[in-house]
Amino acid sequence: YHAHVRTGVLLEELLEVERALEQHHAALELAIAADALEMQADSYNNIAWLYLRRGEKRSFKDFSDKAAATLSELRQSSTTRGGSEAMARLDEFLSGEEKRKKEQAQRAQDKLGSQAQAQKSEVLDVESENLQEIIERLHVPPAERTEADIQALLAWIEPIPYFQRRCNAQHRRALCRRARYEHHQESFPLFEVGDLADKAWVVLGCTPSLETYKGSVDVMLDGEIDKVIHAGELVGEDALDGAEMRGNTTIVSDDGHDDVITQNHFMTIHREDFEEIISTYFHPHFSCFPHDTSLRCNFADLGDGGVADVCFFLINGQNQVLRSLELLYNNLGPLGATKVAELLSSNVKLETLDLSYNAVSDEGITAIAHALKINSSLTSLSLRSNRVSHHGAWVLREALSGNSSLRALDLKENAGTFADVMPNLLRPPLAYPPDRKPAFPLTQPRDAGVTSGFR
């Protein structure tokens, strides 16, 4: 019996729970055969605790109940016999059993604590390894960065709302190629009020990695912490927005540990790199650089999404150089036309816009017409072959009554002929609302739909 119990305890210490159960069950059988109640109770308790370690709560309860019943039987038997020696032995057994249970519970708690600490250490080690990997990739010269480098850095850039708002996918990739690396000790001032705003930082983390501190910076206001920028967030974006001087003071946060000095690590985005990137557009069929005055995107099959991306690039980059934009044969529909309308309503100073051979339709024309009411730079607009009906032409007529810049408009090859509309495009609109489709005569020649160089 005792040999099985000792073997079971040893296997339990070695985490061999299944084999330990086999030994304790064997001990229990011997105790039952010998009618040794004390040993039976001890074995029941041993088995119950092993089932609890396996997470089998029902089995744990069953064997705990059997242990309690056996101890009760032992007490009654000893009382019936009246043997003081037996009672003393029982009390000694119960006292030892209670002590053993406490020791087992303490061992289990210590083990769980050790496992939790090991898991925390493992997590911290993984965080340190990931941070070290990013630092190594940022040390690779921009021209030598591989696709794996770009993808790893994108994992930090893409989730940041600022870059989602200001950059398209190509811009974010270009930022990853240009990004640089910095590290600063806790309490170091990144910048102070009045400093030159020339860069922004993505907080990557700190070393050593701590359980309660992952790296952060404090944005100060009137000497007090206004907000805290944590790892994975952007600080100093005012430089990327065009600010010349810093409007606040920002310092690397204290880690809160007097016995540890941490280094915070940053991905640095320089303003000159950012401005050049968002002013450049790359596509397999065309490209646009900061000093280009014309952009030809013809036959690129951009669709509404691609045209929206081009318009976003021009608006977001606040392009003041481009004067001519061609979007012929791009499967452009009403949704894309609304983005073109946003471009015409922005401060981009386009003078020539060619949307020929698309599918703008009356819905898209309505959006463009509203933009023409406030646009003051466009002098030439081509809407040739865009499924425009008389209704769309009358919407344009109303919009152009308040436009003083447009000099040439091409409406050839559309759904109707506009000889009765075009001569009056620059006159006040008719009294009836444009959402009613007038019954115009359609007997005029097809080329009558062109007015070029009027006024």
Protein backbone atom coordinates (compact mmCIF):
# COMPACT_ATOMS: atom_id res chain seq x y z
CA TYR A 1 0.00 0.00 0.00
CA HIS A 2 2.62 2.54 1.06
CA ALA A 3 4.74 1.75 -2.00
CA HIS A 4 1.83 2.61 -4.32
CA VAL A 5 1.15 5.84 -2.39
CA ARG A 6 4.80 6.96 -2.53
CA THR A 7 4.98 6.17 -6.25
CA GLY A 8 1.74 8.07 -6.87
CA VAL A 9 3.01 11.16 -5.00
CA LEU A 10 6.27 11.08 -6.98
CA LEU A 11 4.41 10.82 -10.30
CA GLU A 12 2.17 13.69 -9.22
CA GLU A 13 5.24 15.87 -8.64
CA LEU A 14 6.42 14.94 -12.14
CA LEU A 15 3.02 16.01 -13.57
CA GLU A 16 2.23 12.42 -14.59
CA VAL A 17 -1.37 12.67 -13.42
CA GLU A 18 -2.70 9.59 -15.26
CA ARG A 19 -0.03 7.28 -13.89
CA ALA A 20 -0.38 8.79 -10.42
CA LEU A 21 -4.12 7.98 -10.52
CA GLU A 22 -3.32 4.37 -11.37
CA GLN A 23 -1.03 4.06 -8.34
CA HIS A 24 -3.53 5.63 -5.93
CA HIS A 25 -6.35 3.43 -7.25
CA ALA A 26 -4.12 0.38 -6.68
CA ALA A 27 -3.46 1.57 -3.12
CA LEU A 28 -7.21 2.03 -2.58
CA GLU A 29 -7.93 -1.55 -3.66
CA LEU A 30 -5.38 -2.86 -1.16
CA ALA A 31 -6.85 -0.70 1.61
CA ILE A 32 -10.37 -1.96 0.85
CA ALA A 33 -9.16 -5.57 0.81
CA ALA A 34 -7.53 -5.06 4.22
CA ASP A 35 -10.61 -3.21 5.56
CA ALA A 36 -8.28 -0.37 6.60
CA LEU A 37 -10.59 2.63 6.86
CA GLU A 38 -7.83 5.14 7.52
CA MET A 39 -5.95 4.08 4.40
CA GLN A 40 -9.17 4.05 2.37
CA ALA A 41 -9.93 7.64 3.40
CA ASP A 42 -6.39 8.70 2.56
CA SER A 43 -6.61 7.08 -0.88
CA TYR A 44 -10.00 8.62 -1.61
CA ASN A 45 -8.57 12.07 -0.85
CA ASN A 46 -5.50 11.50 -3.00
CA ILE A 47 -7.66 10.42 -5.94
CA ALA A 48 -10.09 13.32 -5.45
CA TRP A 49 -7.28 15.90 -5.65
CA LEU A 50 -5.88 14.34 -8.79
CA TYR A 51 -9.27 14.49 -10.49
CA LEU A 52 -9.52 18.15 -9.51
CA ARG A 53 -6.17 18.83 -11.18
CA ARG A 54 -7.55 17.27 -14.35
CA GLY A 55 -10.59 19.56 -14.15
CA GLU A 56 -13.04 16.69 -13.52
CA LYS A 57 -15.13 18.35 -10.83
CA ARG A 58 -17.80 15.64 -10.66
CA SER A 59 -15.24 12.89 -9.99
CA PHE A 60 -13.55 15.15 -7.44
CA LYS A 61 -16.84 15.54 -5.56
CA ASP A 62 -17.60 11.81 -5.70
CA PHE A 63 -14.27 10.78 -4.17
CA SER A 64 -14.32 13.64 -1.65
CA ASP A 65 -17.72 12.44 -0.47
CA LYS A 66 -16.40 8.88 -0.20
CA ALA A 67 -13.46 10.12 1.87
CA ALA A 68 -15.81 12.01 4.20
CA ALA A 69 -18.10 8.96 4.53
CA THR A 70 -15.16 6.69 5.31
CA LEU A 71 -13.86 9.07 7.98
CA SER A 72 -17.34 9.23 9.50
CA GLU A 73 -17.50 5.42 9.54
CA LEU A 74 -14.09 5.29 11.15
CA ARG A 75 -15.17 7.72 13.89
CA GLN A 76 -18.34 5.75 14.63
CA SER A 77 -16.40 2.49 14.73
CA SER A 78 -13.92 3.91 17.17
CA THR A 79 -16.70 5.31 19.39
CA THR A 80 -18.54 1.98 19.42
CA ARG A 81 -15.42 0.14 20.52
CA GLY A 82 -14.71 2.82 23.06
CA GLY A 83 -11.06 2.50 22.51
CA SER A 84 -9.25 5.66 23.54
CA GLU A 85 -6.24 4.52 21.61
CA ALA A 86 -8.31 4.23 18.42
CA MET A 87 -9.81 7.69 19.00
CA ALA A 88 -6.35 9.12 19.51
CA ARG A 89 -5.21 7.50 16.31
CA LEU A 90 -8.26 8.88 14.49
CA ASP A 91 -7.66 12.41 15.77
CA GLU A 92 -4.02 12.14 14.79
CA PHE A 93 -5.06 10.93 11.34
CA LEU A 94 -7.59 13.76 10.89
CA SER A 95 -5.01 16.33 12.01
CA GLY A 96 -2.46 14.93 9.61
CA GLU A 97 -5.04 14.80 6.83
CA GLU A 98 -5.93 18.45 7.35
CA LYS A 99 -2.26 19.38 7.30
CA ARG A 100 -1.70 17.37 4.15
CA LYS A 101 -4.64 19.05 2.41
CA LYS A 102 -3.28 22.47 3.27
CA GLU A 103 0.15 21.50 1.99
CA GLN A 104 -1.36 20.18 -1.25
CA ALA A 105 -3.42 23.35 -1.70
CA GLN A 106 -0.33 25.50 -1.10
CA ARG A 107 1.70 23.45 -3.60
CA ALA A 108 -1.07 23.79 -6.19
CA GLN A 109 -1.27 27.56 -5.61
CA ASP A 110 2.51 27.93 -5.85
CA LYS A 111 2.51 25.93 -9.05
CA LEU A 112 -0.25 28.05 -10.59
CA GLY A 113 1.64 31.18 -9.57
CA SER A 114 4.81 29.85 -11.18
CA GLN A 115 2.92 28.97 -14.35
CA ALA A 116 1.31 32.44 -14.50
CA GLN A 117 4.69 34.08 -13.97
CA ALA A 118 6.21 31.90 -16.67
CA GLN A 119 3.41 32.86 -19.06
CA LYS A 120 3.92 36.56 -18.30
CA SER A 121 7.64 36.20 -18.88
CA GLU A 122 6.96 34.39 -22.14
CA VAL A 123 4.62 37.18 -23.30
CA LEU A 124 7.22 39.83 -22.40
CA ASP A 125 9.88 37.85 -24.25
CA VAL A 126 7.68 37.67 -27.36
CA GLU A 127 6.99 41.42 -27.18
CA SER A 128 10.71 42.12 -26.90
CA GLU A 129 11.46 39.84 -29.86
CA ASN A 130 8.78 41.53 -32.02
CA LEU A 131 10.10 44.97 -31.09
CA GLN A 132 13.67 43.95 -31.85
CA GLU A 133 12.55 42.62 -35.23
CA ILE A 134 10.93 45.97 -36.17
CA ILE A 135 14.02 47.87 -35.03
CA GLU A 136 16.24 45.67 -37.20
CA ARG A 137 13.97 46.21 -40.22
CA LEU A 138 14.08 49.99 -39.71
CA HIS A 139 17.87 49.82 -39.71
CA VAL A 140 17.81 48.35 -43.24
CA PRO A 141 18.62 51.15 -45.76
CA PRO A 142 15.44 52.27 -47.60
CA ALA A 143 16.69 51.14 -51.00
CA GLU A 144 17.44 47.66 -49.65
CA ARG A 145 14.19 46.96 -47.80
CA THR A 146 12.48 43.80 -48.96
CA GLU A 147 8.77 43.04 -49.30
CA ALA A 148 8.96 41.27 -45.93
CA ASP A 149 10.36 44.47 -44.38
CA ILE A 150 7.57 46.56 -45.90
CA GLN A 151 4.85 44.15 -44.73
CA ALA A 152 6.22 44.11 -41.17
CA LEU A 153 6.30 47.92 -41.02
CA LEU A 154 2.84 48.17 -42.61
CA ALA A 155 1.46 46.25 -39.64
CA TRP A 156 2.27 49.37 -37.57
CA ILE A 157 1.35 52.04 -40.15
CA GLU A 158 -1.98 50.75 -41.50
CA PRO A 159 -4.04 50.67 -38.25
CA ILE A 160 -3.29 54.33 -37.45
CA PRO A 161 -6.38 56.48 -38.29
CA TYR A 162 -4.28 59.45 -39.42
CA PHE A 163 -2.56 57.45 -42.16
CA GLN A 164 -5.86 55.86 -43.17
CA ARG A 165 -7.27 59.35 -43.68
CA ARG A 166 -4.30 61.03 -45.36
CA CYS A 167 -2.74 58.19 -47.39
CA ASN A 168 -3.83 55.56 -49.87
CA ALA A 169 -2.33 52.06 -49.89
CA GLN A 170 0.58 53.07 -52.15
CA HIS A 171 1.43 56.03 -49.95
CA ARG A 172 1.51 53.85 -46.83
CA ARG A 173 3.88 51.43 -48.54
CA ALA A 174 6.12 54.34 -49.57
CA LEU A 175 6.12 55.60 -45.96
CA CYS A 176 7.36 52.19 -44.82
CA ARG A 177 10.22 52.46 -47.27
CA ARG A 178 11.17 55.96 -46.07
CA ALA A 179 10.57 55.52 -42.32
CA ARG A 180 13.53 55.87 -39.99
CA TYR A 181 14.37 54.84 -36.42
CA GLU A 182 14.93 56.72 -33.16
CA HIS A 183 15.14 55.76 -29.49
CA HIS A 184 14.96 57.97 -26.42
CA GLN A 185 15.24 57.40 -22.68
CA GLU A 186 12.28 57.95 -20.35
CA SER A 187 11.59 61.64 -19.50
CA PHE A 188 13.35 62.80 -22.69
CA PRO A 189 11.53 65.76 -24.37
CA LEU A 190 10.62 64.88 -27.97
CA PHE A 191 9.80 68.54 -28.60
CA GLU A 192 8.80 71.72 -26.79
CA VAL A 193 6.50 74.64 -27.58
CA GLY A 194 7.98 76.71 -30.42
CA ASP A 195 10.27 73.96 -31.78
CA LEU A 196 10.39 73.40 -35.54
CA ALA A 197 7.69 70.91 -36.60
CA ASP A 198 9.68 68.68 -38.94
CA LYS A 199 8.67 65.08 -38.13
CA ALA A 200 6.23 62.72 -36.42
CA TRP A 201 6.74 59.45 -34.57
CA VAL A 202 4.98 56.11 -34.24
CA VAL A 203 5.53 54.76 -30.71
CA LEU A 204 6.81 51.18 -31.03
CA GLY A 205 7.44 50.18 -27.41
CA CYS A 206 10.15 50.12 -24.78
CA THR A 207 13.06 48.01 -23.54
CA PRO A 208 13.24 46.36 -21.17
CA SER A 209 9.62 45.26 -21.67
CA LEU A 210 7.65 45.65 -18.45
CA GLU A 211 4.37 44.14 -17.36
CA THR A 212 2.87 47.53 -16.42
CA TYR A 213 4.56 49.75 -19.02
CA LYS A 214 4.78 49.19 -22.78
CA GLY A 215 6.15 52.57 -23.83
CA SER A 216 4.34 55.91 -24.23
CA VAL A 217 4.78 59.69 -24.45
CA ASP A 218 3.02 62.45 -22.49
CA VAL A 219 1.50 65.47 -24.24
CA MET A 220 1.74 68.38 -21.82
CA LEU A 221 -0.62 71.35 -21.45
CA ASP A 222 0.11 74.13 -18.94
CA GLY A 223 2.61 71.91 -17.18
CA GLU A 224 0.15 69.03 -16.75
CA ILE A 225 -0.30 65.82 -18.73
CA ASP A 226 -3.11 66.46 -21.25
CA LYS A 227 -3.06 63.02 -22.89
CA VAL A 228 -0.87 59.95 -23.20
CA ILE A 229 0.14 58.47 -26.57
CA HIS A 230 0.68 54.71 -26.24
CA ALA A 231 2.57 52.13 -28.29
CA GLY A 232 1.05 51.76 -31.76
CA GLU A 233 -0.12 55.40 -31.89
CA LEU A 234 1.15 58.51 -33.70
CA VAL A 235 2.56 61.61 -32.04
CA GLY A 236 3.54 64.92 -33.65
CA GLU A 237 1.17 64.67 -36.63
CA ASP A 238 0.83 68.49 -36.67
CA ALA A 239 4.15 68.50 -38.58
CA LEU A 240 2.60 66.33 -41.30
CA ASP A 241 -0.41 68.66 -41.44
CA GLY A 242 1.84 71.60 -42.33
CA ALA A 243 2.38 73.29 -38.95
CA GLU A 244 5.61 75.29 -38.84
CA MET A 245 6.10 75.32 -35.05
CA ARG A 246 5.08 73.00 -32.23
CA GLY A 247 2.10 74.08 -30.19
CA ASN A 248 2.80 71.91 -27.14
CA THR A 249 5.48 70.03 -25.25
CA THR A 250 5.73 66.25 -25.49
CA ILE A 251 8.05 64.06 -23.41
CA VAL A 252 8.76 60.34 -23.16
CA SER A 253 6.73 58.96 -20.25
CA ASP A 254 8.30 57.84 -16.99
CA ASP A 255 7.94 54.07 -16.64
CA GLY A 256 7.01 54.30 -12.95
CA HIS A 257 9.88 52.06 -11.81
CA ASP A 258 12.71 53.72 -9.88
CA ASP A 259 14.94 50.68 -10.29
CA VAL A 260 14.54 50.47 -14.10
CA ILE A 261 15.54 52.91 -16.84
CA THR A 262 13.66 52.24 -20.07
CA GLN A 263 14.40 53.19 -23.65
CA ASN A 264 11.42 54.03 -25.88
CA HIS A 265 11.65 53.16 -29.57
CA PHE A 266 10.06 55.08 -32.46
CA MET A 267 9.38 54.83 -36.17
CA THR A 268 10.12 58.34 -37.46
CA ILE A 269 8.29 59.98 -40.39
CA HIS A 270 9.99 63.15 -41.65
CA ARG A 271 7.79 65.92 -42.98
CA GLU A 272 9.69 66.33 -46.25
CA ASP A 273 9.34 62.60 -46.97
CA PHE A 274 5.62 62.64 -46.15
CA GLU A 275 4.86 65.66 -48.35
CA GLU A 276 6.75 64.20 -51.29
CA ILE A 277 5.00 60.83 -50.90
CA ILE A 278 1.44 62.16 -50.75
CA SER A 279 2.20 64.41 -53.73
CA THR A 280 3.22 61.41 -55.87
CA TYR A 281 0.90 58.84 -57.45
CA PHE A 282 1.91 55.55 -59.01
CA HIS A 283 -0.25 53.28 -61.18
CA PRO A 284 0.71 50.54 -63.66
CA HIS A 285 -0.58 52.74 -66.53
CA PHE A 286 0.42 56.24 -65.38
CA SER A 287 2.09 58.25 -62.63
CA CYS A 288 1.92 61.78 -61.25
CA PHE A 289 4.82 63.60 -59.64
CA PRO A 290 4.75 66.82 -57.56
CA HIS A 291 5.71 69.11 -60.45
CA ASP A 292 3.53 67.59 -63.20
CA THR A 293 1.04 70.02 -64.74
CA SER A 294 -0.94 67.36 -66.62
CA LEU A 295 -2.11 63.84 -65.75
CA ARG A 296 -3.29 61.41 -68.44
CA CYS A 297 -5.14 58.37 -67.01
CA ASN A 298 -6.74 57.24 -70.27
CA PHE A 299 -7.62 53.58 -70.99
CA ALA A 300 -6.63 52.54 -67.43
CA ASP A 301 -9.99 50.91 -66.55
CA LEU A 302 -9.97 52.66 -63.19
CA GLY A 303 -13.68 52.37 -62.51
CA ASP A 304 -15.37 54.43 -59.83
CA GLY A 305 -12.96 53.22 -57.14
CA GLY A 306 -9.82 54.03 -59.10
CA VAL A 307 -11.08 57.48 -60.11
CA ALA A 308 -12.02 58.13 -56.46
CA ASP A 309 -8.46 57.21 -55.48
CA VAL A 310 -6.97 59.65 -58.01
CA CYS A 311 -9.28 62.44 -56.81
CA PHE A 312 -8.43 61.65 -53.18
CA PHE A 313 -4.73 61.87 -54.03
CA LEU A 314 -5.12 65.30 -55.67
CA ILE A 315 -7.34 66.73 -52.94
CA ASN A 316 -5.43 65.28 -49.99
CA GLY A 317 -2.08 66.34 -51.44
CA GLN A 318 -3.47 69.87 -51.92
CA ASN A 319 -2.05 69.85 -55.44
CA GLN A 320 -1.59 73.40 -56.71
CA VAL A 321 0.40 72.52 -59.84
CA LEU A 322 -1.82 70.21 -61.92
CA ARG A 323 -3.81 72.00 -64.63
CA SER A 324 -5.04 69.20 -66.93
CA LEU A 325 -6.66 65.85 -66.06
CA GLU A 326 -7.73 63.24 -68.64
CA LEU A 327 -9.89 60.24 -67.64
CA LEU A 328 -11.04 58.89 -71.04
CA TYR A 329 -12.30 55.28 -71.28
CA ASN A 330 -12.18 54.44 -67.56
CA ASN A 331 -15.63 52.93 -66.95
CA LEU A 332 -16.48 55.95 -64.81
CA GLY A 333 -20.05 55.96 -63.46
CA PRO A 334 -22.18 58.23 -61.24
CA LEU A 335 -20.31 57.29 -58.04
CA GLY A 336 -16.96 58.18 -59.54
CA ALA A 337 -18.47 61.39 -60.93
CA THR A 338 -19.35 62.50 -57.39
CA LYS A 339 -15.64 62.21 -56.51
CA VAL A 340 -14.76 64.27 -59.57
CA ALA A 341 -17.28 66.83 -58.33
CA GLU A 342 -15.47 66.90 -54.97
CA LEU A 343 -12.22 67.54 -56.85
CA LEU A 344 -13.81 70.46 -58.74
CA SER A 345 -15.11 71.85 -55.43
CA SER A 346 -11.68 71.68 -53.79
CA ASN A 347 -8.81 74.15 -54.07
CA VAL A 348 -7.14 72.11 -56.85
CA LYS A 349 -6.85 74.54 -59.76
CA LEU A 350 -7.73 72.35 -62.74
CA GLU A 351 -8.23 74.18 -66.02
CA THR A 352 -8.97 71.23 -68.36
CA LEU A 353 -10.98 68.10 -67.52
CA ASP A 354 -11.73 65.36 -70.06
CA LEU A 355 -14.24 62.66 -69.01
CA SER A 356 -15.03 61.44 -72.51
CA TYR A 357 -16.31 57.90 -73.20
CA ASN A 358 -17.48 56.97 -69.73
CA ALA A 359 -20.91 56.45 -68.16
CA VAL A 360 -21.38 59.52 -65.98
CA SER A 361 -25.13 59.75 -66.87
CA ASP A 362 -27.56 62.38 -65.59
CA GLU A 363 -26.94 61.42 -61.95
CA GLY A 364 -23.22 62.09 -62.23
CA ILE A 365 -23.83 65.25 -64.28
CA THR A 366 -25.96 66.61 -61.43
CA ALA A 367 -23.04 66.28 -58.98
CA ILE A 368 -20.61 67.87 -61.45
CA ALA A 369 -23.07 70.68 -62.17
CA HIS A 370 -23.30 71.58 -58.49
CA ALA A 371 -19.49 71.71 -58.32
CA LEU A 372 -19.35 74.02 -61.37
CA LYS A 373 -21.45 76.55 -59.48
CA ILE A 374 -18.51 77.24 -57.16
CA ASN A 375 -15.56 76.29 -59.38
CA SER A 376 -13.67 79.27 -60.77
CA SER A 377 -10.66 77.67 -62.50
CA LEU A 378 -12.03 75.16 -65.07
CA THR A 379 -12.05 76.50 -68.61
CA SER A 380 -12.62 73.31 -70.65
CA LEU A 381 -14.83 70.31 -69.88
CA SER A 382 -15.49 67.29 -72.10
CA LEU A 383 -18.44 64.99 -71.36
CA ARG A 384 -18.53 63.36 -74.78
CA SER A 385 -20.34 59.99 -74.88
CA ASN A 386 -21.43 59.82 -71.25
CA ARG A 387 -25.14 58.86 -71.57
CA VAL A 388 -26.30 62.39 -70.83
CA SER A 389 -29.95 63.15 -71.65
CA HIS A 390 -31.81 66.43 -72.08
CA HIS A 391 -32.42 66.40 -68.35
CA GLY A 392 -28.67 66.41 -67.66
CA ALA A 393 -28.13 69.19 -70.19
CA TRP A 394 -30.71 71.38 -68.48
CA VAL A 395 -29.08 70.77 -65.10
CA LEU A 396 -25.78 71.95 -66.63
CA ARG A 397 -27.54 74.98 -68.09
CA GLU A 398 -28.77 76.02 -64.67
CA ALA A 399 -25.33 75.51 -63.07
CA LEU A 400 -23.43 77.40 -65.77
CA SER A 401 -25.62 80.45 -65.39
CA GLY A 402 -23.46 81.29 -62.36
CA ASN A 403 -20.11 80.09 -63.75
CA SER A 404 -17.78 82.66 -65.30
CA SER A 405 -14.68 80.54 -66.08
CA LEU A 406 -15.82 77.70 -68.42
CA ARG A 407 -15.12 78.47 -72.08
CA ALA A 408 -15.47 75.08 -73.83
CA LEU A 409 -17.94 72.25 -73.26
CA ASP A 410 -18.17 69.04 -75.34
CA LEU A 411 -21.44 67.06 -75.17
CA LYS A 412 -21.15 65.08 -78.42
CA GLU A 413 -22.32 61.47 -78.73
CA ASN A 414 -24.76 61.52 -75.84
CA ALA A 415 -28.34 60.25 -75.50
CA GLY A 416 -29.97 63.29 -77.06
CA THR A 417 -29.32 66.37 -79.23
CA PHE A 418 -28.97 69.66 -77.46
CA ALA A 419 -29.23 72.30 -80.17
CA ASP A 420 -32.15 73.84 -78.34
CA VAL A 421 -30.26 73.89 -75.02
CA MET A 422 -26.67 74.79 -75.87
CA PRO A 423 -27.15 78.30 -77.26
CA ASN A 424 -28.73 79.31 -73.95
CA LEU A 425 -26.26 77.68 -71.57
CA LEU A 426 -24.98 81.00 -70.28
CA ARG A 427 -28.41 82.60 -69.92
CA PRO A 428 -30.64 82.46 -66.80
CA PRO A 429 -32.37 79.07 -66.34
CA LEU A 430 -35.98 78.51 -67.27
CA ALA A 431 -38.68 78.72 -64.62
CA TYR A 432 -39.56 75.01 -64.42
CA PRO A 433 -37.51 72.74 -62.16
CA PRO A 434 -34.73 70.71 -63.74
CA ASP A 435 -36.02 67.41 -62.33
CA ARG A 436 -38.81 67.51 -64.95
CA LYS A 437 -37.71 66.12 -68.29
CA PRO A 438 -38.97 68.54 -70.98
CA ALA A 439 -40.29 67.18 -74.27
CA PHE A 440 -37.78 68.81 -76.65
CA PRO A 441 -37.90 68.15 -80.38
CA LEU A 442 -35.20 65.65 -81.38
CA THR A 443 -34.96 66.51 -85.08
CA GLN A 444 -31.75 68.53 -84.95
CA PRO A 445 -28.56 67.03 -86.40
CA ARG A 446 -26.38 65.02 -83.99
CA ASP A 447 -23.43 67.43 -84.12
CA ALA A 448 -25.66 70.21 -82.87
CA GLY A 449 -24.84 68.96 -79.37
CA VAL A 450 -21.40 70.63 -79.43
CA THR A 451 -20.56 74.09 -78.28
CA SER A 452 -16.87 74.82 -78.37
CA GLY A 453 -15.11 78.03 -77.52
CA PHE A 454 -18.33 79.91 -76.76
CA ARG A 455 -18.37 83.34 -75.25
